[in-house]
Amino acid sequence: MPLQTGWPTVRRSGVTMTAEADTAPPPFEGCPAPAPALIVVVTLTGLAPGEEVSLPGTATYDFGMLACGVQPSPCVWGSDTTDPTVHLCEPEYSEATKGTVGASAMATADAKGTATATLRFVIPESERVCPAGGSRPWYVQSGQWTARVTDTAHGLRLVGPPDLIIGP
């Protein structure tokens, strides 16, 4: 059966799959951009009570900046500070990055036939992208995410969001 594809909602044979997507919140107070993760919350309706649905997914990302390394704390954004004890918030290293990551979740329908699952797509740590050491990337700027989440049992696929762009 060919997949019924769309965003943010797809339907087939009484089953509806809807998604909301957003970036992970900034990793620290005052950070100018989100963490390097995409969060997709999928809701299915029209399922049989207790029905389990596997939701595999992939997400592509393409960012002009993935910033990583140990960030000073406390720190301030901008270059107008004159206090020598307060550091500027600057990454140890940054570089453009793009790729594909996977995530999956199981959703189990409640007594009303509704199931919800959350998939979290995270840009992996990479020495090529972050040679500063063993620290995780801490924010992304200037780029976008696109996710695909599939319910093969019902022939449904969400592809999007079409406008989740970060930065200028």
Foldseek 3Di string as FASTA:
>chain_A
DAFQEEPQWGDDDQKIKGKDKAAADAPDPPDPAGFQKMKIKIKMARAAAFDKFKKKKKKKKWFAKFAWDDFDPPEHDDDPDPDPVHHHGGGPAIGIDIDMFIWMDMWTAHNRRMTMDMTMTGDDDDCVGPVNDDTDGRGTAFIAMWMWIDRVVRRYIYIDDDDRTGYD
